[in-house]
Every structure is written in structure tokens, then in C-alpha cells.
Amino acid sequence: MKCPNCSSKDIGKIGSHQFYCWSCFIELTVNGGRMSVFQVEKDGTLSSLDDLFCLEEAESLSQLQATS
């Protein structure tokens, strides 16, 4: 699987439905087949980036979760 933001394969699992890209520092969450993408801010809060990514990328992340 590649990161939908930077195309890196350096993705780590940080929770049962959460992943983290170590290259561009975004957090990915999968819930019910839907992917949400967040930028981690300096203070630790998350800012949604959902409006920047398409459905195809969400489906590839859902497949990763199913195999984990």
C-alpha cells in the first residue's frame, strides 16, 4: 500500500483502524470502508484532509486493513 499523500510505502499501523505515514506525517483512519486522512499539527491536534483524496485511495487503504 502507498500513502495517498506522498506515495511512500512507509506506512505503520498505530491502532486497530489507524495508520500513520512516516514520510509525510499524516494519519489515516478506516471506519466501515471509509478512509479519513488527517494532518498532525504541531500541538498534536488533527486537521482533516478528506476533501483532498479520492474514493480509489480509500478503497486501497480498506484492503490493507482487511489483510492486517
PDB file of N, CA and C in Angstrom:
ATOM      1  N   MET A   1       0.825  -1.178   0.000  1.00  0.00           N
ATOM      2  CA  MET A   1       0.000   0.000   0.000  1.00  0.00           C
ATOM      3  C   MET A   1       0.871   1.243   0.000  1.00  0.00           C
ATOM      4  N   LYS A   2       0.428   2.274  -0.706  1.00  0.00           N
ATOM      5  CA  LYS A   2       1.142   3.536  -0.750  1.00  0.00           C
ATOM      6  C   LYS A   2       0.312   4.617  -0.075  1.00  0.00           C
ATOM      7  N   CYS A   3       0.992   5.571   0.502  1.00  0.00           N
ATOM      8  CA  CYS A   3       0.338   6.709   1.125  1.00  0.00           C
ATOM      9  C   CYS A   3      -0.399   7.509   0.048  1.00  0.00           C
ATOM     10  N   PRO A   4      -1.652   7.900   0.301  1.00  0.00           N
ATOM     11  CA  PRO A   4      -2.389   8.689  -0.685  1.00  0.00           C
ATOM     12  C   PRO A   4      -1.851  10.110  -0.838  1.00  0.00           C
ATOM     13  N   ASN A   5      -1.021  10.540   0.085  1.00  0.00           N
ATOM     14  CA  ASN A   5      -0.479  11.901   0.039  1.00  0.00           C
ATOM     15  C   ASN A   5       0.875  11.955  -0.669  1.00  0.00           C
ATOM     16  N   CYS A   6       1.816  11.109  -0.256  1.00  0.00           N
ATOM     17  CA  CYS A   6       3.189  11.204  -0.779  1.00  0.00           C
ATOM     18  C   CYS A   6       3.639   9.976  -1.559  1.00  0.00           C
ATOM     19  N   SER A   7       2.812   8.949  -1.638  1.00  0.00           N
ATOM     20  CA  SER A   7       3.094   7.694  -2.350  1.00  0.00           C
ATOM     21  C   SER A   7       4.184   6.848  -1.698  1.00  0.00           C
ATOM     22  N   SER A   8       4.568   7.160  -0.471  1.00  0.00           N
ATOM     23  CA  SER A   8       5.544   6.360   0.256  1.00  0.00           C
ATOM     24  C   SER A   8       4.912   5.043   0.695  1.00  0.00           C
ATOM     25  N   LYS A   9       5.738   4.013   0.815  1.00  0.00           N
ATOM     26  CA  LYS A   9       5.268   2.725   1.325  1.00  0.00           C
ATOM     27  C   LYS A   9       5.593   2.569   2.809  1.00  0.00           C
ATOM     28  N   ASP A  10       6.055   3.628   3.430  1.00  0.00           N
ATOM     29  CA  ASP A  10       6.452   3.608   4.839  1.00  0.00           C
ATOM     30  C   ASP A  10       5.245   3.915   5.727  1.00  0.00           C
ATOM     31  N   ILE A  11       4.277   2.985   5.736  1.00  0.00           N
ATOM     32  CA  ILE A  11       3.033   3.143   6.485  1.00  0.00           C
ATOM     33  C   ILE A  11       3.072   2.213   7.696  1.00  0.00           C
ATOM     34  N   GLY A  12       2.762   2.740   8.858  1.00  0.00           N
ATOM     35  CA  GLY A  12       2.723   1.931  10.069  1.00  0.00           C
ATOM     36  C   GLY A  12       1.323   1.887  10.650  1.00  0.00           C
ATOM     37  N   LYS A  13       1.013   0.805  11.312  1.00  0.00           N
ATOM     38  CA  LYS A  13      -0.286   0.650  11.966  1.00  0.00           C
ATOM     39  C   LYS A  13      -0.163   1.156  13.395  1.00  0.00           C
ATOM     40  N   ILE A  14      -1.009   2.123  13.777  1.00  0.00           N
ATOM     41  CA  ILE A  14      -0.919   2.704  15.118  1.00  0.00           C
ATOM     42  C   ILE A  14      -2.151   2.402  15.973  1.00  0.00           C
ATOM     43  N   GLY A  15      -3.132   1.751  15.385  1.00  0.00           N
ATOM     44  CA  GLY A  15      -4.342   1.377  16.107  1.00  0.00           C
ATOM     45  C   GLY A  15      -5.107   0.356  15.287  1.00  0.00           C
ATOM     46  N   SER A  16      -6.241  -0.104  15.812  1.00  0.00           N
ATOM     47  CA  SER A  16      -6.985  -1.140  15.107  1.00  0.00           C
ATOM     48  C   SER A  16      -7.506  -0.667  13.755  1.00  0.00           C
ATOM     49  N   HIS A  17      -7.765   0.610  13.614  1.00  0.00           N
ATOM     50  CA  HIS A  17      -8.244   1.158  12.346  1.00  0.00           C
ATOM     51  C   HIS A  17      -7.446   2.390  11.937  1.00  0.00           C
ATOM     52  N   GLN A  18      -6.240   2.543  12.495  1.00  0.00           N
ATOM     53  CA  GLN A  18      -5.461   3.751  12.257  1.00  0.00           C
ATOM     54  C   GLN A  18      -4.075   3.411  11.730  1.00  0.00           C
ATOM     55  N   PHE A  19      -3.625   4.235  10.765  1.00  0.00           N
ATOM     56  CA  PHE A  19      -2.318   4.070  10.149  1.00  0.00           C
ATOM     57  C   PHE A  19      -1.620   5.413  10.129  1.00  0.00           C
ATOM     58  N   TYR A  20      -0.293   5.383   9.993  1.00  0.00           N
ATOM     59  CA  TYR A  20       0.492   6.614  10.022  1.00  0.00           C
ATOM     60  C   TYR A  20       1.568   6.536   8.944  1.00  0.00           C
ATOM     61  N   CYS A  21       1.713   7.604   8.175  1.00  0.00           N
ATOM     62  CA  CYS A  21       2.773   7.662   7.173  1.00  0.00           C
ATOM     63  C   CYS A  21       3.982   8.340   7.808  1.00  0.00           C
ATOM     64  N   TRP A  22       5.093   7.614   7.843  1.00  0.00           N
ATOM     65  CA  TRP A  22       6.309   8.132   8.456  1.00  0.00           C
ATOM     66  C   TRP A  22       7.070   9.069   7.532  1.00  0.00           C
ATOM     67  N   SER A  23       6.649   9.160   6.280  1.00  0.00           N
ATOM     68  CA  SER A  23       7.321  10.058   5.340  1.00  0.00           C
ATOM     69  C   SER A  23       6.727  11.458   5.336  1.00  0.00           C
ATOM     70  N   CYS A  24       5.397  11.548   5.344  1.00  0.00           N
ATOM     71  CA  CYS A  24       4.766  12.879   5.290  1.00  0.00           C
ATOM     72  C   CYS A  24       3.968  13.206   6.554  1.00  0.00           C
ATOM     73  N   PHE A  25       3.966  12.278   7.520  1.00  0.00           N
ATOM     74  CA  PHE A  25       3.403  12.526   8.852  1.00  0.00           C
ATOM     75  C   PHE A  25       1.898  12.793   8.847  1.00  0.00           C
ATOM     76  N   ILE A  26       1.149  12.004   8.061  1.00  0.00           N
ATOM     77  CA  ILE A  26      -0.298  12.094   8.116  1.00  0.00           C
ATOM     78  C   ILE A  26      -0.847  10.833   8.759  1.00  0.00           C
ATOM     79  N   GLU A  27      -2.021  10.958   9.329  1.00  0.00           N
ATOM     80  CA  GLU A  27      -2.700   9.834   9.955  1.00  0.00           C
ATOM     81  C   GLU A  27      -3.881   9.442   9.085  1.00  0.00           C
ATOM     82  N   LEU A  28      -4.058   8.129   8.903  1.00  0.00           N
ATOM     83  CA  LEU A  28      -5.133   7.585   8.088  1.00  0.00           C
ATOM     84  C   LEU A  28      -6.012   6.731   8.983  1.00  0.00           C
ATOM     85  N   THR A  29      -7.323   6.915   8.894  1.00  0.00           N
ATOM     86  CA  THR A  29      -8.264   6.151   9.696  1.00  0.00           C
ATOM     87  C   THR A  29      -9.272   5.491   8.762  1.00  0.00           C
ATOM     88  N   VAL A  30      -9.556   4.199   9.003  1.00  0.00           N
ATOM     89  CA  VAL A  30     -10.540   3.478   8.197  1.00  0.00           C
ATOM     90  C   VAL A  30     -11.664   3.040   9.114  1.00  0.00           C
ATOM     91  N   ASN A  31     -12.876   3.415   8.745  1.00  0.00           N
ATOM     92  CA  ASN A  31     -14.066   3.038   9.503  1.00  0.00           C
ATOM     93  C   ASN A  31     -15.160   2.646   8.527  1.00  0.00           C
ATOM     94  N   GLY A  32     -15.598   1.411   8.591  1.00  0.00           N
ATOM     95  CA  GLY A  32     -16.681   0.958   7.726  1.00  0.00           C
ATOM     96  C   GLY A  32     -16.394   1.125   6.242  1.00  0.00           C
ATOM     97  N   GLY A  33     -15.154   0.911   5.826  1.00  0.00           N
ATOM     98  CA  GLY A  33     -14.801   1.039   4.431  1.00  0.00           C
ATOM     99  C   GLY A  33     -14.561   2.465   3.974  1.00  0.00           C
ATOM    100  N   ARG A  34     -14.615   3.410   4.880  1.00  0.00           N
ATOM    101  CA  ARG A  34     -14.386   4.822   4.539  1.00  0.00           C
ATOM    102  C   ARG A  34     -13.067   5.269   5.154  1.00  0.00           C
ATOM    103  N   MET A  35     -12.252   5.944   4.352  1.00  0.00           N
ATOM    104  CA  MET A  35     -10.960   6.427   4.829  1.00  0.00           C
ATOM    105  C   MET A  35     -11.059   7.908   5.169  1.00  0.00           C
ATOM    106  N   SER A  36     -10.445   8.283   6.268  1.00  0.00           N
ATOM    107  CA  SER A  36     -10.289   9.688   6.630  1.00  0.00           C
ATOM    108  C   SER A  36      -8.803   9.959   6.754  1.00  0.00           C
ATOM    109  N   VAL A  37      -8.382  11.117   6.272  1.00  0.00           N
ATOM    110  CA  VAL A  37      -6.970  11.487   6.267  1.00  0.00           C
ATOM    111  C   VAL A  37      -6.816  12.760   7.098  1.00  0.00           C
ATOM    112  N   PHE A  38      -5.811  12.757   7.972  1.00  0.00           N
ATOM    113  CA  PHE A  38      -5.594  13.883   8.875  1.00  0.00           C
ATOM    114  C   PHE A  38      -4.138  14.314   8.858  1.00  0.00           C
ATOM    115  N   GLN A  39      -3.929  15.597   8.939  1.00  0.00           N
ATOM    116  CA  GLN A  39      -2.593  16.150   9.139  1.00  0.00           C
ATOM    117  C   GLN A  39      -2.407  16.336  10.634  1.00  0.00           C
ATOM    118  N   VAL A  40      -1.275  15.904  11.149  1.00  0.00           N
ATOM    119  CA  VAL A  40      -0.973  16.063  12.566  1.00  0.00           C
ATOM    120  C   VAL A  40      -0.299  17.425  12.740  1.00  0.00           C
ATOM    121  N   GLU A  41      -0.929  18.292  13.509  1.00  0.00           N
ATOM    122  CA  GLU A  41      -0.406  19.642  13.733  1.00  0.00           C
ATOM    123  C   GLU A  41       0.680  19.629  14.808  1.00  0.00           C
ATOM    124  N   LYS A  42       1.405  20.719  14.935  1.00  0.00           N
ATOM    125  CA  LYS A  42       2.496  20.815  15.916  1.00  0.00           C
ATOM    126  C   LYS A  42       2.034  20.563  17.341  1.00  0.00           C
ATOM    127  N   ASP A  43       0.798  20.983  17.654  1.00  0.00           N
ATOM    128  CA  ASP A  43       0.293  20.803  19.015  1.00  0.00           C
ATOM    129  C   ASP A  43      -0.362  19.433  19.231  1.00  0.00           C
ATOM    130  N   GLY A  44      -0.312  18.570  18.202  1.00  0.00           N
ATOM    131  CA  GLY A  44      -0.854  17.220  18.328  1.00  0.00           C
ATOM    132  C   GLY A  44      -2.284  17.070  17.855  1.00  0.00           C
ATOM    133  N   THR A  45      -2.946  18.160  17.531  1.00  0.00           N
ATOM    134  CA  THR A  45      -4.317  18.065  17.035  1.00  0.00           C
ATOM    135  C   THR A  45      -4.310  17.586  15.591  1.00  0.00           C
ATOM    136  N   LEU A  46      -5.456  17.100  15.145  1.00  0.00           N
ATOM    137  CA  LEU A  46      -5.583  16.590  13.785  1.00  0.00           C
ATOM    138  C   LEU A  46      -6.453  17.530  12.953  1.00  0.00           C
ATOM    139  N   SER A  47      -6.016  17.804  11.728  1.00  0.00           N
ATOM    140  CA  SER A  47      -6.786  18.602  10.780  1.00  0.00           C
ATOM    141  C   SER A  47      -7.181  17.691   9.624  1.00  0.00           C
ATOM    142  N   SER A  48      -8.465  17.663   9.297  1.00  0.00           N
ATOM    143  CA  SER A  48      -8.953  16.789   8.244  1.00  0.00           C
ATOM    144  C   SER A  48      -8.436  17.205   6.873  1.00  0.00           C
ATOM    145  N   LEU A  49      -8.041  16.196   6.093  1.00  0.00           N
ATOM    146  CA  LEU A  49      -7.625  16.403   4.707  1.00  0.00           C
ATOM    147  C   LEU A  49      -8.526  15.610   3.763  1.00  0.00           C
ATOM    148  N   ASP A  50      -9.695  15.198   4.256  1.00  0.00           N
ATOM    149  CA  ASP A  50     -10.584  14.320   3.491  1.00  0.00           C
ATOM    150  C   ASP A  50     -10.968  14.887   2.129  1.00  0.00           C
ATOM    151  N   ASP A  51     -11.110  16.181   2.030  1.00  0.00           N
ATOM    152  CA  ASP A  51     -11.548  16.776   0.766  1.00  0.00           C
ATOM    153  C   ASP A  51     -10.458  16.741  -0.313  1.00  0.00           C
ATOM    154  N   LEU A  52      -9.241  16.286   0.031  1.00  0.00           N
ATOM    155  CA  LEU A  52      -8.145  16.247  -0.931  1.00  0.00           C
ATOM    156  C   LEU A  52      -7.928  14.882  -1.585  1.00  0.00           C
ATOM    157  N   PHE A  53      -8.614  13.842  -1.109  1.00  0.00           N
ATOM    158  CA  PHE A  53      -8.349  12.491  -1.577  1.00  0.00           C
ATOM    159  C   PHE A  53      -9.587  11.855  -2.183  1.00  0.00           C
ATOM    160  N   CYS A  54      -9.369  10.942  -3.147  1.00  0.00           N
ATOM    161  CA  CYS A  54     -10.486  10.340  -3.876  1.00  0.00           C
ATOM    162  C   CYS A  54     -10.866   8.975  -3.314  1.00  0.00           C
ATOM    163  N   LEU A  55     -11.982   8.451  -3.780  1.00  0.00           N
ATOM    164  CA  LEU A  55     -12.526   7.171  -3.324  1.00  0.00           C
ATOM    165  C   LEU A  55     -11.590   6.008  -3.619  1.00  0.00           C
ATOM    166  N   GLU A  56     -10.891   6.026  -4.741  1.00  0.00           N
ATOM    167  CA  GLU A  56      -9.979   4.935  -5.112  1.00  0.00           C
ATOM    168  C   GLU A  56      -8.907   4.730  -4.047  1.00  0.00           C
ATOM    169  N   GLU A  57      -8.360   5.816  -3.513  1.00  0.00           N
ATOM    170  CA  GLU A  57      -7.340   5.716  -2.473  1.00  0.00           C
ATOM    171  C   GLU A  57      -7.937   5.152  -1.193  1.00  0.00           C
ATOM    172  N   ALA A  58      -9.178   5.489  -0.900  1.00  0.00           N
ATOM    173  CA  ALA A  58      -9.852   4.960   0.282  1.00  0.00           C
ATOM    174  C   ALA A  58     -10.022   3.454   0.163  1.00  0.00           C
ATOM    175  N   GLU A  59     -10.343   2.975  -1.031  1.00  0.00           N
ATOM    176  CA  GLU A  59     -10.518   1.544  -1.226  1.00  0.00           C
ATOM    177  C   GLU A  59      -9.216   0.786  -1.047  1.00  0.00           C
ATOM    178  N   SER A  60      -8.087   1.357  -1.478  1.00  0.00           N
ATOM    179  CA  SER A  60      -6.808   0.668  -1.303  1.00  0.00           C
ATOM    180  C   SER A  60      -6.439   0.568   0.165  1.00  0.00           C
ATOM    181  N   LEU A  61      -6.760   1.562   0.962  1.00  0.00           N
ATOM    182  CA  LEU A  61      -6.477   1.509   2.389  1.00  0.00           C
ATOM    183  C   LEU A  61      -7.404   0.500   3.072  1.00  0.00           C
ATOM    184  N   SER A  62      -8.644   0.398   2.631  1.00  0.00           N
ATOM    185  CA  SER A  62      -9.571  -0.573   3.206  1.00  0.00           C
ATOM    186  C   SER A  62      -9.065  -1.987   2.976  1.00  0.00           C
ATOM    187  N   GLN A  63      -8.460  -2.245   1.824  1.00  0.00           N
ATOM    188  CA  GLN A  63      -7.899  -3.551   1.528  1.00  0.00           C
ATOM    189  C   GLN A  63      -6.727  -3.855   2.456  1.00  0.00           C
ATOM    190  N   LEU A  64      -5.915  -2.848   2.757  1.00  0.00           N
ATOM    191  CA  LEU A  64      -4.796  -3.032   3.677  1.00  0.00           C
ATOM    192  C   LEU A  64      -5.304  -3.426   5.054  1.00  0.00           C
ATOM    193  N   GLN A  65      -6.350  -2.764   5.519  1.00  0.00           N
ATOM    194  CA  GLN A  65      -6.889  -3.044   6.842  1.00  0.00           C
ATOM    195  C   GLN A  65      -7.411  -4.489   6.898  1.00  0.00           C
ATOM    196  N   ALA A  66      -8.025  -4.944   5.834  1.00  0.00           N
ATOM    197  CA  ALA A  66      -8.589  -6.297   5.801  1.00  0.00           C
ATOM    198  C   ALA A  66      -7.501  -7.354   5.907  1.00  0.00           C
ATOM    199  N   THR A  67      -6.304  -7.062   5.423  1.00  0.00           N
ATOM    200  CA  THR A  67      -5.218  -8.038   5.481  1.00  0.00           C
ATOM    201  C   THR A  67      -4.383  -7.919   6.741  1.00  0.00           C
ATOM    202  N   SER A  68      -4.598  -6.895   7.548  1.00  0.00           N
ATOM    203  CA  SER A  68      -3.800  -6.679   8.778  1.00  0.00           C
ATOM    204  C   SER A  68      -4.332  -7.495   9.927  1.00  0.00           C
TER     205      SER A  68
END
